[in-house]
Each structure stands twice: as C-alpha cells, then as structure tokens.
Amino acid sequence: MCFFSRLFQKKDISSKKYRLQMARSLNTKLLRYVTERTDAGEIVIGKDGHISVRNDILSVYGRADPLFQAHCEDVMAAELMSHDGVVLEGFDLVKKCHRKVVAHYKYYRK
C-alpha cells in the first residue's frame, strides 16, 4: 500500500484500532463543560473537567466527580465539526446504562 492510499483512505470508525487511537488522542484534554444528550434535549451534567485514559478505560471527569466511564474499545467517539468538543457514546460504567455524552473543550488561544 503506497503512502497516498493510506493518507486518503477512509477510516473504519467501527474498528477496535480506530477506537483505541481516538481514545488515546483525547487523553488529558481539559473540558469547559459536559452535557448528556437525551430524547428531551441536552442537559449540563458537569463543568471544569478533563478526559483521561487509564487501563483502557476512558473517563470524563467534572471537577472531581466521574461523569462518564467506558472501555476504550466499546466507546464510539466523534469530534464535533467545529473541533470544539467530542461526542462519546457507549455503555457507561458509572450509571450502568448506554449514554451519549458531549464534552466541550476549553479554548486556549495559540
């Protein structure tokens, strides 16, 4: 496989390799706030947190409380089109149910 075909090849977002790579890229991101998407809309569930990955578990913290935890290979992560945050969907180990959480990054001017 040549360089250009790997560069322009569409990524398989359902593969385990892509999910682990996406989770590792989110490690140590600082968050402004975290919302949960439900049928009724979005609810703010935490502020001033961070994302961390330890022992293949992706965790979203708000201040000091764990808001969302899931195994890296089970969580579906997709960045927002504005690159201001990420949508995380998967089985939550905190609430023991399937959840969709949106984590909005802190913005630092470069």
Foldseek 3Di string as FASTA:
>chain_A
DDPVCVVPPDDDLLDLVNLLVVLVVQAFFWFAWKWWQDPVGIDTDAGTWGWHADPQKIFTDHPHHTDFIDGSSFWRWDADPVNQWIWIWGQGPVVRGTTIMITGTDDDDD
